Amino acid sequence: MMKNKGQITAFVLLGLVILALAIIFAYIFLNSSKNQEPYASLTLEQNVEEVKARVMSCLESSLPSAVKHCASSSPLGGSKCPNYESDLANKVKEDFCSCIPGCSDFSEFKNVQVESKGEIKIEADLTENKEKITIAMKYPIMIKKGDTEKMIGTAEQPFITQYSLKQSECVPIKLKGDDHTICQADEDKTVEVLGVTFTFKQGDRVAVGDNCVAC
């Protein structure tokens, strides 16, 4: 009888050891699966969309930053960006190439080949009576997986984003002589416009296009 109890105990212990080993191996397997590259099982089209999203995210964040940089230039008066559209485009490119290191570092995409196939060309246009800035970025990028590949950012289908410069409210700032025709700030003041912070110095124009937006 004691022998049978000893055998049962041994089998129970062996079963517990096997169960523990199974749990350990399952844990290791699950963690290994989680650590696999997130794009490994994606199709080429899905990878293309991931790359597009990354490019557009950087471009869309670079435009407001460039608008802020040129805040003391037309359409908000001053001299930082005397050639507003071309200077703004250059600033967008500079910020984009900080967001995408060296403009072309797509090393985060491990399971698809991403390669730039030409220089970045960015054009900025003030549209709708200078109330909106439109950015078109021509940047040919080849995405290849296995024997299939696709080009994005071509001249025919550039990356495009926009930013509204139209004011829904006037900017509370004192003008020289209260003259809305000249529309020059008579004080140093920092204001928030459409979620972007602008700093005006005395003498800066406070305008969108030809329209004074001060009050």
Protein backbone atom coordinates (compact mmCIF):
# COMPACT_ATOMS: atom_id res chain seq x y z
CA MET A 1 0.00 0.00 0.00
CA MET A 2 2.81 2.41 0.91
CA LYS A 3 4.52 1.50 -2.35
CA ASN A 4 1.41 2.43 -4.33
CA LYS A 5 1.15 5.76 -2.53
CA GLY A 6 4.80 6.45 -3.31
CA GLN A 7 4.22 5.70 -6.99
CA ILE A 8 1.19 7.98 -7.08
CA THR A 9 3.20 10.78 -5.43
CA ALA A 10 5.99 10.31 -7.95
CA PHE A 11 3.56 10.47 -10.86
CA VAL A 12 1.94 13.60 -9.42
CA LEU A 13 5.33 15.27 -9.04
CA LEU A 14 6.32 14.24 -12.55
CA GLY A 15 3.06 15.66 -13.86
CA LEU A 16 3.65 18.94 -12.08
CA VAL A 17 7.17 19.15 -13.51
CA ILE A 18 5.87 18.49 -17.02
CA LEU A 19 3.12 21.11 -16.55
CA ALA A 20 5.65 23.66 -15.29
CA LEU A 21 7.93 22.99 -18.26
CA ALA A 22 4.97 23.35 -20.65
CA ILE A 23 4.06 26.72 -19.11
CA ILE A 24 7.67 27.91 -19.36
CA PHE A 25 7.98 26.87 -23.03
CA ALA A 26 4.61 28.47 -23.85
CA TYR A 27 5.73 31.73 -22.19
CA ILE A 28 9.00 31.73 -24.13
CA PHE A 29 7.17 31.04 -27.40
CA LEU A 30 4.62 33.82 -26.85
CA ASN A 31 7.33 36.36 -25.99
CA SER A 32 9.30 35.30 -29.04
CA SER A 33 6.22 35.86 -31.23
CA LYS A 34 5.67 39.31 -29.74
CA ASN A 35 9.26 40.30 -30.46
CA GLN A 36 9.02 39.40 -34.13
CA GLU A 37 9.11 42.36 -36.52
CA PRO A 38 5.65 43.96 -36.77
CA TYR A 39 5.78 44.12 -40.59
CA ALA A 40 6.93 40.50 -41.17
CA SER A 41 3.49 39.17 -42.14
CA LEU A 42 2.29 42.25 -44.01
CA THR A 43 1.71 42.25 -47.77
CA LEU A 44 3.57 44.71 -49.98
CA GLU A 45 0.52 46.99 -50.15
CA GLN A 46 0.26 46.99 -46.36
CA ASN A 47 3.95 47.84 -46.09
CA VAL A 48 3.47 50.62 -48.64
CA GLU A 49 0.72 52.12 -46.49
CA GLU A 50 2.97 51.93 -43.42
CA VAL A 51 5.75 53.80 -45.23
CA LYS A 52 3.29 56.37 -46.60
CA ALA A 53 1.92 56.95 -43.11
CA ARG A 54 5.44 57.51 -41.75
CA VAL A 55 6.32 59.98 -44.52
CA MET A 56 3.04 61.88 -44.19
CA SER A 57 3.35 62.04 -40.40
CA CYS A 58 6.73 63.75 -40.73
CA LEU A 59 5.56 66.05 -43.53
CA GLU A 60 2.41 67.09 -41.67
CA SER A 61 4.35 67.89 -38.49
CA SER A 62 7.02 69.80 -40.44
CA LEU A 63 4.58 72.24 -42.05
CA PRO A 64 3.24 73.92 -38.86
CA SER A 65 6.81 74.08 -37.58
CA ALA A 66 7.89 75.86 -40.76
CA VAL A 67 4.91 78.24 -40.55
CA LYS A 68 5.96 79.13 -37.03
CA HIS A 69 9.55 79.68 -38.18
CA CYS A 70 8.35 82.10 -40.85
CA ALA A 71 5.89 83.79 -38.51
CA SER A 72 7.71 87.12 -38.75
CA SER A 73 7.49 86.96 -42.54
CA SER A 74 4.61 87.39 -44.99
CA PRO A 75 1.83 86.61 -44.44
CA LEU A 76 2.60 87.61 -40.86
CA GLY A 77 5.14 90.32 -41.70
CA GLY A 78 8.92 90.67 -41.22
CA SER A 79 12.17 89.38 -42.70
CA LYS A 80 12.85 85.75 -41.62
CA CYS A 81 11.38 84.41 -44.83
CA PRO A 82 11.49 87.22 -47.40
CA ASN A 83 10.69 84.76 -50.19
CA TYR A 84 7.85 83.25 -48.21
CA GLU A 85 6.89 80.25 -50.33
CA SER A 86 10.40 79.07 -51.25
CA ASP A 87 11.79 79.80 -47.77
CA LEU A 88 8.89 77.96 -46.17
CA ALA A 89 9.47 74.98 -48.50
CA ASN A 90 13.15 74.89 -47.52
CA LYS A 91 12.24 74.93 -43.83
CA VAL A 92 9.72 72.12 -44.34
CA LYS A 93 12.45 70.06 -46.01
CA GLU A 94 14.88 70.77 -43.18
CA ASP A 95 12.38 69.67 -40.53
CA PHE A 96 11.30 66.64 -42.58
CA CYS A 97 14.92 65.49 -42.81
CA SER A 98 15.15 65.69 -39.04
CA CYS A 99 12.03 63.58 -38.65
CA ILE A 100 13.30 61.06 -41.23
CA PRO A 101 17.03 61.00 -40.34
CA GLY A 102 19.12 62.11 -43.28
CA CYS A 103 15.90 62.34 -45.31
CA SER A 104 16.25 58.67 -46.27
CA ASP A 105 16.72 56.49 -43.17
CA PHE A 106 13.88 53.96 -43.29
CA SER A 107 15.73 51.32 -41.30
CA GLU A 108 12.74 50.89 -38.98
CA PHE A 109 11.11 48.82 -41.73
CA LYS A 110 13.03 45.56 -41.27
CA ASN A 111 11.07 43.21 -43.52
CA VAL A 112 10.71 45.36 -46.60
CA GLN A 113 13.31 47.23 -48.64
CA VAL A 114 12.71 50.99 -48.68
CA GLU A 115 15.02 53.11 -50.82
CA SER A 116 14.92 56.72 -51.98
CA LYS A 117 15.25 57.02 -55.75
CA GLY A 118 15.72 60.75 -56.15
CA GLU A 119 16.04 64.10 -54.43
CA ILE A 120 13.33 65.73 -52.38
CA LYS A 121 11.59 68.57 -54.20
CA ILE A 122 9.11 70.59 -52.15
CA GLU A 123 6.85 73.32 -53.46
CA ALA A 124 4.80 75.63 -51.24
CA ASP A 125 1.85 77.61 -52.54
CA LEU A 126 -0.30 80.21 -50.82
CA THR A 127 -3.84 79.56 -51.97
CA GLU A 128 -7.39 80.73 -51.30
CA ASN A 129 -6.48 84.43 -51.01
CA LYS A 130 -3.34 83.57 -49.05
CA GLU A 131 -5.37 81.92 -46.33
CA LYS A 132 -4.00 78.40 -46.83
CA ILE A 133 -0.55 76.99 -47.50
CA THR A 134 -0.31 73.85 -49.65
CA ILE A 135 2.82 71.70 -49.68
CA ALA A 136 3.57 69.23 -52.48
CA MET A 137 6.59 66.99 -51.93
CA LYS A 138 8.00 65.00 -54.82
CA TYR A 139 10.17 62.30 -53.28
CA PRO A 140 10.36 59.00 -55.22
CA ILE A 141 10.63 56.10 -52.78
CA MET A 142 10.89 52.47 -53.87
CA ILE A 143 9.31 49.84 -51.61
CA LYS A 144 10.27 46.27 -52.46
CA LYS A 145 9.31 42.94 -50.94
CA GLY A 146 10.41 39.72 -52.57
CA ASP A 147 9.84 40.03 -56.32
CA THR A 148 7.27 42.82 -56.05
CA GLU A 149 7.88 46.53 -55.73
CA LYS A 150 6.07 49.86 -55.81
CA MET A 151 7.13 53.48 -56.20
CA ILE A 152 5.50 56.26 -54.19
CA GLY A 153 6.02 60.03 -54.03
CA THR A 154 6.45 60.43 -57.78
CA ALA A 155 5.97 63.67 -59.71
CA GLU A 156 2.56 62.37 -60.81
CA GLN A 157 1.49 61.49 -57.26
CA PRO A 158 3.42 63.67 -54.78
CA PHE A 159 2.84 63.76 -51.04
CA ILE A 160 0.47 66.67 -50.31
CA THR A 161 -0.54 68.40 -47.09
CA GLN A 162 -2.14 71.73 -46.22
CA TYR A 163 -2.25 74.18 -43.36
CA SER A 164 -4.88 76.87 -42.82
CA LEU A 165 -3.64 80.40 -42.18
CA LYS A 166 -7.15 81.82 -41.89
CA GLN A 167 -7.94 83.38 -38.56
CA SER A 168 -11.26 82.62 -36.91
CA GLU A 169 -10.60 85.39 -34.39
CA CYS A 170 -8.50 88.55 -34.40
CA VAL A 171 -5.12 88.67 -32.69
CA PRO A 172 -5.26 90.72 -29.49
CA ILE A 173 -2.23 92.94 -29.93
CA LYS A 174 -1.65 96.69 -29.79
CA LEU A 175 -0.91 98.39 -33.12
CA LYS A 176 1.20 101.46 -33.74
CA GLY A 177 -1.15 104.40 -33.75
CA ASP A 178 -4.01 101.91 -33.84
CA ASP A 179 -3.45 101.91 -37.61
CA HIS A 180 -4.96 98.81 -39.24
CA THR A 181 -3.68 99.90 -42.64
CA ILE A 182 -0.01 99.68 -41.66
CA CYS A 183 -0.87 96.94 -39.13
CA GLN A 184 2.44 97.00 -37.23
CA ALA A 185 2.69 95.65 -33.71
CA ASP A 186 3.41 98.27 -31.06
CA GLU A 187 4.44 95.70 -28.47
CA ASP A 188 6.31 92.44 -28.10
CA LYS A 189 3.74 89.69 -27.62
CA THR A 190 3.39 85.92 -27.93
CA VAL A 191 0.04 84.58 -29.11
CA GLU A 192 -1.34 81.19 -30.11
CA VAL A 193 -2.78 80.93 -33.61
CA LEU A 194 -4.43 77.68 -34.72
CA GLY A 195 -2.47 75.74 -32.15
CA VAL A 196 0.88 77.28 -33.12
CA THR A 197 2.62 79.86 -30.93
CA PHE A 198 3.84 83.03 -32.67
CA THR A 199 6.00 85.76 -31.19
CA PHE A 200 5.53 89.28 -32.54
CA LYS A 201 8.10 92.01 -32.07
CA GLN A 202 7.44 95.72 -32.29
CA GLY A 203 7.21 96.67 -35.94
CA ASP A 204 6.11 93.21 -37.20
CA ARG A 205 3.05 93.11 -39.43
CA VAL A 206 0.09 91.31 -37.90
CA ALA A 207 -1.66 90.21 -41.06
CA VAL A 208 -2.82 87.26 -43.14
CA GLY A 209 -2.09 88.18 -46.72
CA ASP A 210 -3.22 91.80 -47.10
CA ASN A 211 -5.74 91.58 -44.27
CA CYS A 212 -4.86 92.95 -40.83
CA VAL A 213 -5.99 90.45 -38.18
CA ALA A 214 -5.10 92.52 -35.10
CA CYS A 215 -7.64 93.82 -32.62
